N, C-alpha and C. Protein backbone atom coordinates (compact mmCIF):
# COMPACT_ATOMS: atom_id res chain seq x y z
N MET A 1 0.99 -1.26 -0.20
CA MET A 1 0.22 0.08 -0.15
C MET A 1 0.94 1.47 0.08
N THR A 2 0.58 2.30 -1.20
CA THR A 2 0.99 3.10 -1.05
C THR A 2 0.75 4.87 0.45
N ALA A 3 1.15 5.34 0.51
CA ALA A 3 0.84 6.57 1.35
C ALA A 3 -0.05 7.82 0.58
N PRO A 4 -1.13 7.95 0.56
CA PRO A 4 -1.63 8.86 0.17
C PRO A 4 -1.09 10.28 -0.54
N SER A 5 -0.99 11.07 -1.69
CA SER A 5 -0.10 12.08 -1.60
C SER A 5 -0.57 13.10 -0.75
N LEU A 6 -0.04 14.38 -0.02
CA LEU A 6 -0.90 15.39 0.18
C LEU A 6 -1.04 16.12 -0.14
N THR A 7 -1.18 16.06 -1.40
CA THR A 7 -2.06 17.18 -2.38
C THR A 7 -2.95 16.54 -2.22
N THR A 8 -3.28 15.49 -2.14
CA THR A 8 -4.86 14.79 -2.79
C THR A 8 -5.60 14.74 -0.96
N ALA A 9 -4.63 15.55 0.09
CA ALA A 9 -5.34 15.44 1.54
C ALA A 9 -6.88 16.23 1.43
N GLY A 10 -7.42 17.14 0.78
CA GLY A 10 -8.68 17.19 1.00
C GLY A 10 -8.87 16.47 0.83
N SER A 11 -9.38 15.59 -0.43
CA SER A 11 -10.07 14.28 -0.59
C SER A 11 -10.22 13.18 0.30
N LEU A 12 -9.03 13.71 1.44
CA LEU A 12 -8.97 11.79 2.08
C LEU A 12 -10.36 12.73 3.37
N ARG A 13 -10.24 10.82 3.64
CA ARG A 13 -11.55 10.65 4.43
C ARG A 13 -11.21 9.59 5.87
N ILE A 14 -11.04 9.94 7.04
CA ILE A 14 -10.72 9.23 7.75
C ILE A 14 -11.96 8.83 8.66
N LEU A 15 -11.43 6.91 8.57
CA LEU A 15 -12.82 6.04 8.80
C LEU A 15 -12.30 5.79 10.43
N LYS A 16 -13.64 5.79 11.13
CA LYS A 16 -12.89 5.16 12.68
C LYS A 16 -13.40 3.43 12.42
N ILE A 17 -13.09 2.72 13.98
CA ILE A 17 -12.86 1.66 13.51
C ILE A 17 -14.38 0.97 13.56
N HIS A 18 -15.46 1.35 13.41
CA HIS A 18 -16.85 0.96 13.56
C HIS A 18 -16.92 1.23 12.09
N GLU A 19 -16.54 2.39 11.25
CA GLU A 19 -16.73 2.51 9.83
C GLU A 19 -15.91 1.00 9.12
N VAL A 20 -14.85 1.09 9.80
CA VAL A 20 -14.15 0.13 8.83
C VAL A 20 -14.74 -1.15 8.86
N LEU A 21 -15.27 -1.79 10.39
CA LEU A 21 -15.70 -3.16 10.39
C LEU A 21 -16.75 -3.28 9.57
N GLU A 22 -17.50 -2.07 9.53
CA GLU A 22 -19.18 -2.13 8.12
C GLU A 22 -18.37 -1.96 6.96
N MET A 23 -17.83 -1.77 6.61
CA MET A 23 -17.00 -1.73 5.06
C MET A 23 -16.54 -3.22 4.71
N THR A 24 -15.72 -3.75 5.90
CA THR A 24 -15.46 -4.94 5.93
C THR A 24 -15.83 -5.79 5.77
N SER A 25 -17.06 -6.19 6.62
CA SER A 25 -17.88 -7.33 7.40
C SER A 25 -16.48 -8.04 8.10
N LEU A 26 -15.58 -7.68 8.89
CA LEU A 26 -15.26 -8.18 9.66
C LEU A 26 -15.35 -8.36 10.64
N SER A 27 -15.19 -9.26 11.94
CA SER A 27 -15.36 -8.87 13.35
C SER A 27 -14.30 -8.04 13.93
N ARG A 28 -14.03 -7.38 14.75
CA ARG A 28 -13.43 -6.32 15.89
C ARG A 28 -12.24 -7.55 16.30
N ALA A 29 -12.47 -8.60 16.25
CA ALA A 29 -11.19 -9.81 16.73
C ALA A 29 -10.28 -9.96 15.13
N THR A 30 -11.05 -10.07 14.37
CA THR A 30 -10.21 -10.25 12.99
C THR A 30 -9.76 -9.17 12.74
N HIS A 31 -10.25 -8.09 12.63
CA HIS A 31 -9.85 -6.59 12.43
C HIS A 31 -8.03 -6.15 13.20
N PHE A 32 -8.63 -6.76 14.30
CA PHE A 32 -7.22 -6.82 15.54
C PHE A 32 -6.01 -7.79 14.42
N ALA A 33 -6.39 -9.03 14.72
CA ALA A 33 -5.87 -9.97 14.23
C ALA A 33 -5.09 -9.84 12.83
N LYS A 34 -5.57 -9.08 11.63
CA LYS A 34 -4.87 -8.41 10.90
C LYS A 34 -3.42 -7.83 10.65
N LEU A 35 -3.59 -6.47 12.02
CA LEU A 35 -2.86 -5.90 12.36
C LEU A 35 -1.97 -6.69 13.30
N ASN A 36 -1.87 -7.56 14.02
CA ASN A 36 -0.97 -8.08 14.56
C ASN A 36 0.05 -9.60 14.12
N VAL A 37 1.38 -9.03 13.92
CA VAL A 37 2.24 -9.93 13.36
C VAL A 37 2.32 -10.98 13.92
N ASN A 38 1.85 -11.59 14.98
CA ASN A 38 2.34 -12.55 16.09
C ASN A 38 0.73 -13.38 15.68
N SER A 39 -0.20 -13.19 15.05
CA SER A 39 -1.19 -13.89 14.85
C SER A 39 -1.20 -14.75 13.26
N SER A 40 -2.02 -15.61 13.40
CA SER A 40 -1.87 -16.66 12.15
C SER A 40 -2.66 -15.54 11.09
N SER A 41 -3.41 -14.56 11.91
CA SER A 41 -4.38 -14.00 10.42
C SER A 41 -3.96 -12.99 10.05
N TYR A 42 -2.53 -12.24 10.29
CA TYR A 42 -2.11 -11.16 10.26
C TYR A 42 -2.01 -10.89 8.35
N ASP A 43 -2.26 -9.89 8.19
CA ASP A 43 -2.16 -9.18 6.94
C ASP A 43 -1.43 -8.40 6.39
N PRO A 44 0.20 -8.35 5.90
CA PRO A 44 1.15 -7.89 5.75
C PRO A 44 0.10 -6.34 4.56
N ASP A 45 -0.86 -6.62 4.27
CA ASP A 45 -1.53 -5.58 3.20
C ASP A 45 -2.16 -5.18 3.90
N TYR A 46 -2.65 -5.54 5.02
CA TYR A 46 -4.24 -4.59 5.52
C TYR A 46 -3.91 -3.46 6.49
N PRO A 47 -4.48 -2.16 5.92
CA PRO A 47 -4.36 -0.72 6.05
C PRO A 47 -4.20 -0.91 7.64
N LYS A 48 -2.90 0.31 7.77
CA LYS A 48 -2.78 0.22 9.22
C LYS A 48 -3.04 1.51 9.47
N PRO A 49 -3.42 1.65 10.91
CA PRO A 49 -4.39 2.81 11.64
C PRO A 49 -3.11 4.09 11.52
N ILE A 50 -4.07 5.05 11.71
CA ILE A 50 -2.97 6.45 11.73
C ILE A 50 -3.49 7.19 12.96
N LYS A 51 -2.94 7.88 13.95
CA LYS A 51 -3.04 8.08 15.12
C LYS A 51 -2.99 9.34 14.94
N LEU A 52 -4.59 9.59 15.57
CA LEU A 52 -5.27 11.42 15.48
C LEU A 52 -5.21 11.60 16.67
N GLY A 53 -4.53 11.31 17.92
CA GLY A 53 -4.53 11.68 19.30
C GLY A 53 -3.95 11.03 20.47
N ALA A 54 -4.04 11.18 21.76
CA ALA A 54 -3.58 10.42 22.36
C ALA A 54 -4.17 8.98 22.21
N ARG A 55 -5.60 8.79 22.19
CA ARG A 55 -6.23 7.68 22.57
C ARG A 55 -6.97 7.63 21.43
N SER A 56 -6.42 7.91 20.46
CA SER A 56 -7.50 7.70 18.59
C SER A 56 -6.86 7.88 17.50
N VAL A 57 -7.31 6.64 16.83
CA VAL A 57 -6.76 5.97 15.89
C VAL A 57 -8.12 6.31 14.94
N GLY A 58 -7.49 6.18 13.66
CA GLY A 58 -8.23 6.68 12.72
C GLY A 58 -7.77 5.79 11.29
N TYR A 59 -8.48 5.33 9.81
CA TYR A 59 -8.03 4.50 8.78
C TYR A 59 -8.06 5.34 7.76
N VAL A 60 -7.50 5.56 6.76
CA VAL A 60 -7.94 6.00 5.83
C VAL A 60 -9.04 5.27 4.61
N GLU A 61 -9.78 6.00 4.38
CA GLU A 61 -11.50 5.47 3.67
C GLU A 61 -10.58 4.40 2.57
N GLN A 62 -9.57 5.12 1.60
CA GLN A 62 -8.86 5.13 0.17
C GLN A 62 -8.21 3.36 0.22
N GLU A 63 -7.19 3.52 1.60
CA GLU A 63 -6.69 2.34 2.01
C GLU A 63 -7.34 1.70 1.61
N ILE A 64 -8.42 1.38 2.94
CA ILE A 64 -9.52 0.37 2.87
C ILE A 64 -9.82 -0.10 1.99
N ILE A 65 -10.82 0.91 0.74
CA ILE A 65 -11.28 0.75 -0.61
C ILE A 65 -10.15 -0.52 -1.64
N ASP A 66 -9.18 0.34 -1.51
CA ASP A 66 -7.52 -0.55 -2.05
C ASP A 66 -7.71 -2.02 -1.59
N TRP A 67 -7.70 -2.24 -0.63
CA TRP A 67 -7.50 -3.43 0.17
C TRP A 67 -8.66 -4.40 -0.13
N LEU A 68 -9.99 -3.54 -0.02
CA LEU A 68 -10.95 -4.49 -0.63
C LEU A 68 -11.08 -5.13 -1.80
N GLN A 69 -10.34 -3.83 -2.67
CA GLN A 69 -10.18 -4.29 -4.00
C GLN A 69 -9.41 -5.35 -4.36
N ALA A 70 -8.24 -5.52 -3.91
CA ALA A 70 -7.26 -6.48 -3.67
C ALA A 70 -7.85 -7.90 -3.64
N ARG A 71 -8.59 -8.02 -2.46
CA ARG A 71 -9.61 -8.75 -2.47
C ARG A 71 -10.40 -9.55 -3.16
N MET A 72 -10.74 -8.71 -3.97
CA MET A 72 -11.81 -9.21 -4.98
C MET A 72 -11.31 -9.36 -6.26
N GLU A 73 -10.11 -9.15 -6.47
CA GLU A 73 -9.54 -9.46 -7.70
C GLU A 73 -8.57 -10.98 -7.57
N ALA A 74 -8.06 -10.95 -6.27
CA ALA A 74 -7.65 -11.93 -5.81
C ALA A 74 -8.15 -13.36 -6.23
N ARG A 75 -9.74 -13.12 -5.66
CA ARG A 75 -10.20 -14.28 -5.68
C ARG A 75 -10.62 -14.76 -7.44
N SER A 76 -9.96 -14.07 -8.32
CA SER A 76 -9.92 -14.66 -10.10
C SER A 76 -9.04 -15.58 -9.98
């Protein structure tokens, strides 16, 4: 996954976890397992969170869309 260009920052949307779970249809446990390198479900291509504050993270919507698109293309 490549990071979005700063020039397109105006069109970026940051999602909270509940929105990511809704888009991907993953459970909360599976979502975090895909981020955990020690998990058998770890997916190095799964979008990483970005820190928004001391106790808040978000996910770039386009990275989630790209990940889903790659999953759809991989099934062929």
